[in-house]
C-alpha atoms as a PDB file:
ATOM      1  CA  MET A   1      17.259  28.182  69.911  1.00  0.00           C
ATOM      2  CA  GLN A   2      17.185  31.719  68.591  1.00  0.00           C
ATOM      3  CA  GLY A   3      13.810  32.296  66.978  1.00  0.00           C
ATOM      4  CA  ARG A   4      12.152  29.300  68.619  1.00  0.00           C
ATOM      5  CA  PRO A   5       9.353  29.714  71.141  1.00  0.00           C
ATOM      6  CA  LEU A   6      10.355  29.086  74.749  1.00  0.00           C
ATOM      7  CA  VAL A   7       8.134  27.804  77.537  1.00  0.00           C
ATOM      8  CA  PHE A   8       9.411  28.709  80.997  1.00  0.00           C
ATOM      9  CA  VAL A   9       7.985  26.094  83.335  1.00  0.00           C
ATOM     10  CA  ASP A  10       7.807  25.251  87.007  1.00  0.00           C
ATOM     11  CA  VAL A  11       5.711  22.678  88.799  1.00  0.00           C
ATOM     12  CA  GLU A  12       4.866  22.007  92.397  1.00  0.00           C
ATOM     13  CA  THR A  13       4.294  18.340  93.121  1.00  0.00           C
ATOM     14  CA  THR A  14       3.021  16.003  95.820  1.00  0.00           C
ATOM     15  CA  GLY A  15       6.459  14.406  96.205  1.00  0.00           C
ATOM     16  CA  SER A  16       9.912  14.145  94.739  1.00  0.00           C
ATOM     17  CA  ALA A  17       9.581  11.192  92.346  1.00  0.00           C
ATOM     18  CA  ALA A  18       7.528  11.448  89.140  1.00  0.00           C
ATOM     19  CA  TRP A  19       6.696   7.745  89.128  1.00  0.00           C
ATOM     20  CA  GLY A  20       4.938   7.952  92.523  1.00  0.00           C
ATOM     21  CA  SER A  21       3.824  11.567  92.862  1.00  0.00           C
ATOM     22  CA  ARG A  22       1.662  13.993  90.918  1.00  0.00           C
ATOM     23  CA  ILE A  23       1.750  17.546  89.638  1.00  0.00           C
ATOM     24  CA  LEU A  24      -0.030  19.842  92.066  1.00  0.00           C
ATOM     25  CA  GLU A  25       0.489  23.207  90.357  1.00  0.00           C
ATOM     26  CA  ILE A  26       1.701  24.359  86.936  1.00  0.00           C
ATOM     27  CA  GLY A  27       3.202  27.755  86.219  1.00  0.00           C
ATOM     28  CA  LEU A  28       4.382  28.608  82.734  1.00  0.00           C
ATOM     29  CA  LEU A  29       4.979  31.416  80.298  1.00  0.00           C
ATOM     30  CA  ARG A  30       5.196  30.891  76.551  1.00  0.00           C
ATOM     31  CA  VAL A  31       7.569  33.403  74.983  1.00  0.00           C
ATOM     32  CA  GLU A  32       7.859  34.085  71.271  1.00  0.00           C
ATOM     33  CA  GLY A  33      10.629  36.498  70.395  1.00  0.00           C
ATOM     34  CA  SER A  34      10.795  38.561  73.531  1.00  0.00           C
ATOM     35  CA  LYS A  35       7.034  38.687  74.083  1.00  0.00           C
ATOM     36  CA  VAL A  36       5.026  36.595  76.550  1.00  0.00           C
ATOM     37  CA  VAL A  37       2.161  35.320  74.398  1.00  0.00           C
ATOM     38  CA  ALA A  38       0.479  32.925  76.845  1.00  0.00           C
ATOM     39  CA  LYS A  39       0.520  32.011  80.518  1.00  0.00           C
ATOM     40  CA  MET A  40      -0.740  29.280  82.807  1.00  0.00           C
ATOM     41  CA  ASN A  41      -1.052  29.542  86.571  1.00  0.00           C
ATOM     42  CA  GLN A  42      -3.074  26.516  87.633  1.00  0.00           C
ATOM     43  CA  VAL A  43      -3.525  24.514  90.818  1.00  0.00           C
ATOM     44  CA  LEU A  44      -4.606  20.968  89.961  1.00  0.00           C
ATOM     45  CA  ASP A  45      -6.405  18.208  91.775  1.00  0.00           C
ATOM     46  CA  PRO A  46      -3.522  15.730  92.026  1.00  0.00           C
ATOM     47  CA  GLU A  47      -5.957  12.877  92.762  1.00  0.00           C
ATOM     48  CA  GLU A  48      -4.069  12.153  95.967  1.00  0.00           C
ATOM     49  CA  TYR A  49      -3.587  13.774  99.333  1.00  0.00           C
ATOM     50  CA  VAL A  50      -1.180  16.720  99.550  1.00  0.00           C
ATOM     51  CA  PRO A  51       1.424  15.802 102.214  1.00  0.00           C
ATOM     52  CA  GLY A  52       2.030  18.217 105.072  1.00  0.00           C
ATOM     53  CA  TRP A  53       5.646  18.835 104.089  1.00  0.00           C
ATOM     54  CA  ILE A  54       4.501  19.928 100.620  1.00  0.00           C
ATOM     55  CA  THR A  55       1.939  22.271 102.185  1.00  0.00           C
ATOM     56  CA  HIS A  56       4.693  23.662 104.410  1.00  0.00           C
ATOM     57  CA  LEU A  57       6.934  24.237 101.359  1.00  0.00           C
ATOM     58  CA  THR A  58       4.351  25.595  98.897  1.00  0.00           C
ATOM     59  CA  GLY A  59       1.500  26.814 101.059  1.00  0.00           C
ATOM     60  CA  ILE A  60      -0.919  24.709  98.990  1.00  0.00           C
ATOM     61  CA  GLU A  61      -3.289  22.820 101.251  1.00  0.00           C
ATOM     62  CA  HIS A  62      -5.172  19.706 100.215  1.00  0.00           C
ATOM     63  CA  ALA A  63      -8.516  21.505 100.529  1.00  0.00           C
ATOM     64  CA  GLU A  64      -7.373  24.009  97.862  1.00  0.00           C
ATOM     65  CA  THR A  65      -7.037  21.219  95.306  1.00  0.00           C
ATOM     66  CA  VAL A  66     -10.556  19.836  95.705  1.00  0.00           C
ATOM     67  CA  GLY A  67     -12.650  20.662  92.666  1.00  0.00           C
ATOM     68  CA  LYS A  68      -9.675  21.939  90.659  1.00  0.00           C
ATOM     69  CA  PRO A  69      -9.027  20.559  87.168  1.00  0.00           C
ATOM     70  CA  LEU A  70      -7.268  17.225  86.766  1.00  0.00           C
ATOM     71  CA  PHE A  71      -4.086  17.085  84.702  1.00  0.00           C
ATOM     72  CA  ALA A  72      -6.047  15.442  81.870  1.00  0.00           C
ATOM     73  CA  ASP A  73      -8.398  18.454  81.840  1.00  0.00           C
ATOM     74  CA  VAL A  74      -5.565  20.908  81.080  1.00  0.00           C
ATOM     75  CA  LEU A  75      -3.709  18.568  78.704  1.00  0.00           C
ATOM     76  CA  PRO A  76      -5.182  20.070  75.494  1.00  0.00           C
ATOM     77  CA  GLN A  77      -4.162  23.579  76.605  1.00  0.00           C
ATOM     78  CA  LEU A  78      -0.681  22.342  77.574  1.00  0.00           C
ATOM     79  CA  LYS A  79      -0.204  20.735  74.187  1.00  0.00           C
ATOM     80  CA  GLN A  80      -0.945  24.082  72.533  1.00  0.00           C
ATOM     81  CA  LEU A  81       1.373  25.964  74.889  1.00  0.00           C
ATOM     82  CA  PHE A  82       4.193  23.455  74.374  1.00  0.00           C
ATOM     83  CA  ASP A  83       3.790  23.141  70.591  1.00  0.00           C
ATOM     84  CA  GLY A  84       7.127  23.709  68.839  1.00  0.00           C
ATOM     85  CA  ALA A  85       8.733  25.249  71.927  1.00  0.00           C
ATOM     86  CA  VAL A  86      11.825  24.578  73.994  1.00  0.00           C
ATOM     87  CA  PHE A  87      10.971  23.480  77.566  1.00  0.00           C
ATOM     88  CA  VAL A  88      12.941  25.715  79.974  1.00  0.00           C
ATOM     89  CA  ALA A  89      13.069  24.872  83.691  1.00  0.00           C
ATOM     90  CA  HIS A  90      15.402  24.981  86.685  1.00  0.00           C
ATOM     91  CA  ASN A  91      16.626  21.433  87.219  1.00  0.00           C
ATOM     92  CA  ALA A  92      14.694  20.675  84.040  1.00  0.00           C
ATOM     93  CA  SER A  93      14.843  16.885  84.388  1.00  0.00           C
ATOM     94  CA  PHE A  94      12.638  17.096  87.495  1.00  0.00           C
ATOM     95  CA  ASP A  95       9.828  19.106  85.877  1.00  0.00           C
ATOM     96  CA  TYR A  96      10.227  17.325  82.535  1.00  0.00           C
ATOM     97  CA  GLY A  97       9.971  13.929  84.251  1.00  0.00           C
ATOM     98  CA  PHE A  98       6.725  14.910  85.941  1.00  0.00           C
ATOM     99  CA  PHE A  99       5.212  16.065  82.652  1.00  0.00           C
ATOM    100  CA  GLY A 100       6.314  12.832  81.004  1.00  0.00           C
ATOM    101  CA  ALA A 101       4.665  10.767  83.753  1.00  0.00           C
ATOM    102  CA  GLU A 102       1.454  12.812  83.636  1.00  0.00           C
ATOM    103  CA  PHE A 103       1.241  12.618  79.838  1.00  0.00           C
ATOM    104  CA  ARG A 104       1.708   8.816  80.049  1.00  0.00           C
ATOM    105  CA  ARG A 105      -1.039   8.544  82.685  1.00  0.00           C
ATOM    106  CA  ALA A 106      -3.297  10.405  80.260  1.00  0.00           C
ATOM    107  CA  GLY A 107      -2.374   7.978  77.468  1.00  0.00           C
ATOM    108  CA  ASP A 108      -0.279  10.498  75.551  1.00  0.00           C
ATOM    109  CA  ALA A 109       3.396  10.986  74.685  1.00  0.00           C
ATOM    110  CA  PHE A 110       5.571  13.902  75.808  1.00  0.00           C
ATOM    111  CA  ALA A 111       8.765  14.967  74.058  1.00  0.00           C
ATOM    112  CA  MET A 112      10.305  18.423  73.853  1.00  0.00           C
ATOM    113  CA  ASP A 113      13.769  19.873  73.503  1.00  0.00           C
ATOM    114  CA  LYS A 114      14.745  21.166  76.937  1.00  0.00           C
ATOM    115  CA  LEU A 115      17.048  23.730  78.471  1.00  0.00           C
ATOM    116  CA  CYS A 116      18.015  23.551  82.129  1.00  0.00           C
ATOM    117  CA  THR A 117      18.570  26.945  83.760  1.00  0.00           C
ATOM    118  CA  VAL A 118      20.789  25.322  86.416  1.00  0.00           C
ATOM    119  CA  ARG A 119      23.142  24.301  83.619  1.00  0.00           C
ATOM    120  CA  LEU A 120      22.757  27.739  82.024  1.00  0.00           C
ATOM    121  CA  SER A 121      23.624  29.422  85.324  1.00  0.00           C
ATOM    122  CA  ARG A 122      26.716  27.211  85.665  1.00  0.00           C
ATOM    123  CA  ALA A 123      27.819  28.103  82.148  1.00  0.00           C
ATOM    124  CA  LEU A 124      27.244  31.836  82.610  1.00  0.00           C
ATOM    125  CA  PHE A 125      28.541  32.078  86.191  1.00  0.00           C
ATOM    126  CA  PRO A 126      31.180  29.337  86.574  1.00  0.00           C
ATOM    127  CA  HIS A 127      32.792  31.109  89.547  1.00  0.00           C
ATOM    128  CA  GLU A 128      29.626  30.791  91.672  1.00  0.00           C
ATOM    129  CA  ARG A 129      29.417  27.868  94.086  1.00  0.00           C
ATOM    130  CA  SER A 130      25.648  27.378  94.047  1.00  0.00           C
ATOM    131  CA  HIS A 131      23.160  27.537  91.225  1.00  0.00           C
ATOM    132  CA  ARG A 132      20.051  26.673  93.221  1.00  0.00           C
ATOM    133  CA  LEU A 133      17.127  28.902  92.346  1.00  0.00           C
ATOM    134  CA  ASP A 134      17.278  30.655  95.722  1.00  0.00           C
ATOM    135  CA  GLU A 135      20.898  31.632  94.977  1.00  0.00           C
ATOM    136  CA  VAL A 136      20.092  32.792  91.447  1.00  0.00           C
ATOM    137  CA  ILE A 137      17.325  34.959  92.916  1.00  0.00           C
ATOM    138  CA  ARG A 138      19.607  36.348  95.619  1.00  0.00           C
ATOM    139  CA  ARG A 139      22.507  37.106  93.261  1.00  0.00           C
ATOM    140  CA  ALA A 140      20.323  38.880  90.725  1.00  0.00           C
ATOM    141  CA  GLY A 141      18.304  40.715  93.371  1.00  0.00           C
ATOM    142  CA  TYR A 142      14.992  39.445  92.023  1.00  0.00           C
ATOM    143  CA  HIS A 143      11.841  39.951  94.043  1.00  0.00           C
ATOM    144  CA  VAL A 144       9.678  36.832  94.179  1.00  0.00           C
ATOM    145  CA  ALA A 145       6.272  37.327  95.744  1.00  0.00           C
ATOM    146  CA  ASN A 146       5.612  33.636  96.403  1.00  0.00           C
ATOM    147  CA  ARG A 147       8.690  31.418  96.301  1.00  0.00           C
ATOM    148  CA  HIS A 148       7.809  27.757  95.727  1.00  0.00           C
ATOM    149  CA  ARG A 149       4.689  28.680  93.826  1.00  0.00           C
ATOM    150  CA  ALA A 150       4.930  27.483  90.255  1.00  0.00           C
ATOM    151  CA  TYR A 151       4.037  30.644  88.342  1.00  0.00           C
ATOM    152  CA  ASP A 152       6.263  32.938  90.400  1.00  0.00           C
ATOM    153  CA  ASP A 153       9.216  30.580  89.998  1.00  0.00           C
ATOM    154  CA  ALA A 154       8.607  30.278  86.229  1.00  0.00           C
ATOM    155  CA  LEU A 155       8.495  34.072  86.019  1.00  0.00           C
ATOM    156  CA  VAL A 156      11.932  34.262  87.681  1.00  0.00           C
ATOM    157  CA  LEU A 157      13.351  31.832  85.102  1.00  0.00           C
ATOM    158  CA  HIS A 158      12.000  34.024  82.317  1.00  0.00           C
ATOM    159  CA  GLN A 159      13.587  37.081  83.939  1.00  0.00           C
ATOM    160  CA  PHE A 160      16.935  35.300  84.466  1.00  0.00           C
ATOM    161  CA  TYR A 161      17.060  34.150  80.839  1.00  0.00           C
ATOM    162  CA  HIS A 162      16.168  37.506  79.337  1.00  0.00           C
ATOM    163  CA  ASP A 163      18.328  39.548  81.726  1.00  0.00           C
ATOM    164  CA  ASN A 164      21.358  37.498  80.717  1.00  0.00           C
ATOM    165  CA  LEU A 165      20.467  37.697  77.034  1.00  0.00           C
ATOM    166  CA  ALA A 166      20.359  41.504  77.393  1.00  0.00           C
ATOM    167  CA  ARG A 167      23.554  41.570  79.468  1.00  0.00           C
ATOM    168  CA  LEU A 168      25.630  39.430  77.089  1.00  0.00           C
ATOM    169  CA  GLY A 169      23.951  40.204  73.780  1.00  0.00           C
ATOM    170  CA  ALA A 170      22.580  37.666  71.336  1.00  0.00           C
ATOM    171  CA  GLU A 171      25.978  36.902  69.743  1.00  0.00           C
ATOM    172  CA  SER A 172      27.417  35.706  73.060  1.00  0.00           C
ATOM    173  CA  PHE A 173      24.333  34.349  74.815  1.00  0.00           C
ATOM    174  CA  TYR A 174      22.665  32.177  72.171  1.00  0.00           C
ATOM    175  CA  PRO A 175      25.671  29.930  71.433  1.00  0.00           C
ATOM    176  CA  VAL A 176      25.968  29.103  75.148  1.00  0.00           C
ATOM    177  CA  ALA A 177      22.239  28.433  75.528  1.00  0.00           C
ATOM    178  CA  GLN A 178      22.044  26.405  72.294  1.00  0.00           C
ATOM    179  CA  ARG A 179      24.942  24.187  73.373  1.00  0.00           C
ATOM    180  CA  LEU A 180      22.963  23.281  76.512  1.00  0.00           C
ATOM    181  CA  VAL A 181      19.687  22.368  74.783  1.00  0.00           C
ATOM    182  CA  GLN A 182      18.971  18.664  75.100  1.00  0.00           C
ATOM    183  CA  PRO A 183      17.045  17.205  72.159  1.00  0.00           C
ATOM    184  CA  ALA A 184      13.620  15.627  72.678  1.00  0.00           C
ATOM    185  CA  ARG A 185      13.422  11.921  73.430  1.00  0.00           C
ATOM    186  CA  VAL A 186      10.205   9.987  73.157  1.00  0.00           C
END
């Protein structure tokens, strides 16, 4: 984990199941060392209608997706951003599952090592009852301009990770984080 690039990722989607819903927005930051070297903040055309409850949650209306790139259009850029990195997300299986489904729809394979920041929060703060992102934000006192927008949520994950690395020091933090990394499965 130490020395490997990290990609802090969040997606907004048209529903809760990757097999029947699509990615609506991608937010990510690629970090090498402690430096953000690339970013993506992209609304996509999900090729289906954006349900009202998703608009209520994210603020993204269907009309905003018309004419935006399709997932397949940003796939080459994503492959570059993901190359050799650890996929870091809150409830990582959710976001990871959506990327896997979208890659398959595009006729490609998706496999990355992943780190779930819910699991990291549990390991670092075992006395806390909740590890939902809203609680992580509240506890740390983070300011999030647009909660439930992919880039802003990915930015919070980056901040959470690096704040705790600074707080604990590399000798204490990295062994905990490394133990939680799940290896890629194709």
